Amino acid sequence: YESYQRENDEFLKTIDDNMKRLIKEHVKSQVKDQVSRILPRIEQSVNAQLEYEVLTRDDDDQEGSFAGSDRGSKRRREGGEPESASTPSELATRSASRSTTRTQSRQMSASESAFAE
């Protein structure tokens, strides 16, 4: 009787282990699928927010120069910005790219730690 019980327990443990493995793989697959659908929306939102911040910052800078400030006017009269200066859209693109990369890294870390459990 004991050998049958032991054999039955081992069989149940094997089934339990296989079910856990299958469920874990299925959840991992679903999370990957959902992250790949959500990530473009997050990226779009971050880009829009950064663009808004850059445009708002540019508006604030322009208001300051129109209010009688003399800063930078000599450079503007002498031929504009130096060639190495970035345009606001270039800054927004670079900043958005860095932010998106950080967001992706955080999401991947969160996903990987969830799968490790």
C-alpha atoms as a PDB file:
ATOM      1  CA  TYR A   1       0.000   0.000   0.000  1.00  0.00           C
ATOM      2  CA  GLU A   2       2.821   2.445   0.900  1.00  0.00           C
ATOM      3  CA  SER A   3       4.574   1.978  -2.431  1.00  0.00           C
ATOM      4  CA  TYR A   4       1.329   2.802  -4.286  1.00  0.00           C
ATOM      5  CA  GLN A   5       0.847   5.875  -2.143  1.00  0.00           C
ATOM      6  CA  ARG A   6       4.437   7.014  -2.760  1.00  0.00           C
ATOM      7  CA  GLU A   7       4.055   6.410  -6.504  1.00  0.00           C
ATOM      8  CA  ASN A   8       0.779   8.326  -6.512  1.00  0.00           C
ATOM      9  CA  ASP A   9       2.351  11.246  -4.603  1.00  0.00           C
ATOM     10  CA  GLU A  10       5.246  11.403  -7.073  1.00  0.00           C
ATOM     11  CA  PHE A  11       2.811  11.337  -9.988  1.00  0.00           C
ATOM     12  CA  LEU A  12       0.757  14.166  -8.476  1.00  0.00           C
ATOM     13  CA  LYS A  13       3.910  16.191  -7.796  1.00  0.00           C
ATOM     14  CA  THR A  14       5.024  15.751 -11.419  1.00  0.00           C
ATOM     15  CA  ILE A  15       1.627  16.884 -12.684  1.00  0.00           C
ATOM     16  CA  ASP A  16       1.691  19.853 -10.305  1.00  0.00           C
ATOM     17  CA  ASP A  17       5.190  20.883 -11.457  1.00  0.00           C
ATOM     18  CA  ASN A  18       4.194  20.596 -15.123  1.00  0.00           C
ATOM     19  CA  MET A  19       1.048  22.669 -14.575  1.00  0.00           C
ATOM     20  CA  LYS A  20       3.023  25.386 -12.790  1.00  0.00           C
ATOM     21  CA  ARG A  21       5.549  25.483 -15.640  1.00  0.00           C
ATOM     22  CA  LEU A  22       2.823  25.682 -18.297  1.00  0.00           C
ATOM     23  CA  ILE A  23       0.933  28.409 -16.444  1.00  0.00           C
ATOM     24  CA  LYS A  24       4.133  30.407 -15.964  1.00  0.00           C
ATOM     25  CA  GLU A  25       4.960  30.154 -19.694  1.00  0.00           C
ATOM     26  CA  HIS A  26       1.420  31.169 -20.636  1.00  0.00           C
ATOM     27  CA  VAL A  27       1.457  34.187 -18.311  1.00  0.00           C
ATOM     28  CA  LYS A  28       4.878  35.212 -19.621  1.00  0.00           C
ATOM     29  CA  SER A  29       3.575  35.059 -23.189  1.00  0.00           C
ATOM     30  CA  GLN A  30       0.487  37.115 -22.331  1.00  0.00           C
ATOM     31  CA  VAL A  31       2.533  39.773 -20.527  1.00  0.00           C
ATOM     32  CA  LYS A  32       4.917  40.075 -23.489  1.00  0.00           C
ATOM     33  CA  ASP A  33       1.964  40.493 -25.836  1.00  0.00           C
ATOM     34  CA  GLN A  34       0.312  43.130 -23.661  1.00  0.00           C
ATOM     35  CA  VAL A  35       3.562  45.056 -23.120  1.00  0.00           C
ATOM     36  CA  SER A  36       4.174  45.140 -26.875  1.00  0.00           C
ATOM     37  CA  ARG A  37       0.686  46.618 -27.349  1.00  0.00           C
ATOM     38  CA  ILE A  38       0.967  49.130 -24.496  1.00  0.00           C
ATOM     39  CA  LEU A  39       4.544  50.311 -25.073  1.00  0.00           C
ATOM     40  CA  PRO A  40       3.823  52.329 -28.266  1.00  0.00           C
ATOM     41  CA  ARG A  41       1.069  54.218 -26.429  1.00  0.00           C
ATOM     42  CA  ILE A  42       3.406  54.978 -23.536  1.00  0.00           C
ATOM     43  CA  GLU A  43       6.093  56.138 -25.970  1.00  0.00           C
ATOM     44  CA  GLN A  44       3.594  58.364 -27.778  1.00  0.00           C
ATOM     45  CA  SER A  45       2.418  59.871 -24.493  1.00  0.00           C
ATOM     46  CA  VAL A  46       5.971  60.515 -23.268  1.00  0.00           C
ATOM     47  CA  ASN A  47       6.906  62.126 -26.593  1.00  0.00           C
ATOM     48  CA  ALA A  48       3.835  64.371 -26.515  1.00  0.00           C
ATOM     49  CA  GLN A  49       4.559  65.410 -22.933  1.00  0.00           C
ATOM     50  CA  LEU A  50       8.210  66.179 -23.701  1.00  0.00           C
ATOM     51  CA  GLU A  51       7.253  68.124 -26.814  1.00  0.00           C
ATOM     52  CA  TYR A  52       4.773  70.154 -24.763  1.00  0.00           C
ATOM     53  CA  GLU A  53       7.429  70.863 -22.123  1.00  0.00           C
ATOM     54  CA  VAL A  54       9.973  71.952 -24.751  1.00  0.00           C
ATOM     55  CA  LEU A  55       7.436  74.197 -26.488  1.00  0.00           C
ATOM     56  CA  THR A  56       6.344  75.676 -23.159  1.00  0.00           C
ATOM     57  CA  ARG A  57       9.977  76.274 -22.215  1.00  0.00           C
ATOM     58  CA  ASP A  58      10.595  77.949 -25.608  1.00  0.00           C
ATOM     59  CA  ASP A  59       7.555  80.197 -25.110  1.00  0.00           C
ATOM     60  CA  ASP A  60       8.841  81.192 -21.676  1.00  0.00           C
ATOM     61  CA  ASP A  61      12.297  81.929 -23.129  1.00  0.00           C
ATOM     62  CA  GLN A  62      10.811  84.075 -25.901  1.00  0.00           C
ATOM     63  CA  GLU A  63       8.617  86.023 -23.484  1.00  0.00           C
ATOM     64  CA  GLY A  64      11.708  86.798 -21.430  1.00  0.00           C
ATOM     65  CA  SER A  65      13.591  88.172 -24.451  1.00  0.00           C
ATOM     66  CA  PHE A  66      10.646  90.339 -25.533  1.00  0.00           C
ATOM     67  CA  ALA A  67      10.318  91.824 -22.070  1.00  0.00           C
ATOM     68  CA  GLY A  68      13.348  94.017 -22.660  1.00  0.00           C
ATOM     69  CA  SER A  69      16.084  91.544 -21.835  1.00  0.00           C
ATOM     70  CA  ASP A  70      19.270  92.162 -23.787  1.00  0.00           C
ATOM     71  CA  ARG A  71      20.662  88.666 -23.351  1.00  0.00           C
ATOM     72  CA  GLY A  72      21.587  86.922 -26.573  1.00  0.00           C
ATOM     73  CA  SER A  73      20.648  89.819 -28.823  1.00  0.00           C
ATOM     74  CA  LYS A  74      24.260  90.404 -29.857  1.00  0.00           C
ATOM     75  CA  ARG A  75      24.585  86.787 -30.969  1.00  0.00           C
ATOM     76  CA  ARG A  76      21.341  87.052 -32.944  1.00  0.00           C
ATOM     77  CA  ARG A  77      22.590  90.213 -34.684  1.00  0.00           C
ATOM     78  CA  GLU A  78      25.944  88.616 -35.517  1.00  0.00           C
ATOM     79  CA  GLY A  79      24.595  85.677 -37.430  1.00  0.00           C
ATOM     80  CA  GLY A  80      22.474  83.446 -35.253  1.00  0.00           C
ATOM     81  CA  GLU A  81      23.115  80.445 -33.099  1.00  0.00           C
ATOM     82  CA  PRO A  82      26.389  78.544 -33.184  1.00  0.00           C
ATOM     83  CA  GLU A  83      26.319  75.534 -35.509  1.00  0.00           C
ATOM     84  CA  SER A  84      26.538  73.086 -32.613  1.00  0.00           C
ATOM     85  CA  ALA A  85      23.324  74.353 -31.015  1.00  0.00           C
ATOM     86  CA  SER A  86      20.401  71.921 -31.162  1.00  0.00           C
ATOM     87  CA  THR A  87      16.938  72.906 -32.265  1.00  0.00           C
ATOM     88  CA  PRO A  88      14.098  72.360 -29.788  1.00  0.00           C
ATOM     89  CA  SER A  89      12.753  69.459 -31.857  1.00  0.00           C
ATOM     90  CA  GLU A  90      16.176  67.776 -31.829  1.00  0.00           C
ATOM     91  CA  LEU A  91      16.334  68.228 -28.059  1.00  0.00           C
ATOM     92  CA  ALA A  92      12.830  66.819 -27.665  1.00  0.00           C
ATOM     93  CA  THR A  93      13.666  63.850 -29.876  1.00  0.00           C
ATOM     94  CA  ARG A  94      16.853  63.055 -27.963  1.00  0.00           C
ATOM     95  CA  SER A  95      15.161  63.537 -24.615  1.00  0.00           C
ATOM     96  CA  ALA A  96      12.158  61.443 -25.648  1.00  0.00           C
ATOM     97  CA  SER A  97      14.447  58.705 -26.880  1.00  0.00           C
ATOM     98  CA  ARG A  98      16.303  58.596 -23.555  1.00  0.00           C
ATOM     99  CA  SER A  99      13.033  58.654 -21.639  1.00  0.00           C
ATOM    100  CA  THR A 100      11.552  55.875 -23.761  1.00  0.00           C
ATOM    101  CA  THR A 101      14.665  53.777 -23.266  1.00  0.00           C
ATOM    102  CA  ARG A 102      14.416  54.260 -19.494  1.00  0.00           C
ATOM    103  CA  THR A 103      10.710  53.377 -19.596  1.00  0.00           C
ATOM    104  CA  GLN A 104      11.410  50.233 -21.606  1.00  0.00           C
ATOM    105  CA  SER A 105      14.200  49.245 -19.223  1.00  0.00           C
ATOM    106  CA  ARG A 106      11.930  49.724 -16.210  1.00  0.00           C
ATOM    107  CA  GLN A 107       9.158  47.709 -17.850  1.00  0.00           C
ATOM    108  CA  MET A 108      11.501  44.899 -18.824  1.00  0.00           C
ATOM    109  CA  SER A 109      12.940  44.816 -15.304  1.00  0.00           C
ATOM    110  CA  ALA A 110       9.457  44.649 -13.828  1.00  0.00           C
ATOM    111  CA  SER A 111       8.431  41.902 -16.242  1.00  0.00           C
ATOM    112  CA  GLU A 112      11.583  39.900 -15.643  1.00  0.00           C
ATOM    113  CA  SER A 113      11.247  40.132 -11.870  1.00  0.00           C
ATOM    114  CA  ALA A 114       7.615  39.023 -12.120  1.00  0.00           C
ATOM    115  CA  PHE A 115       8.674  35.964 -14.105  1.00  0.00           C
ATOM    116  CA  ALA A 116      11.454  35.110 -11.665  1.00  0.00           C
ATOM    117  CA  GLU A 117       8.945  34.371  -8.911  1.00  0.00           C
END
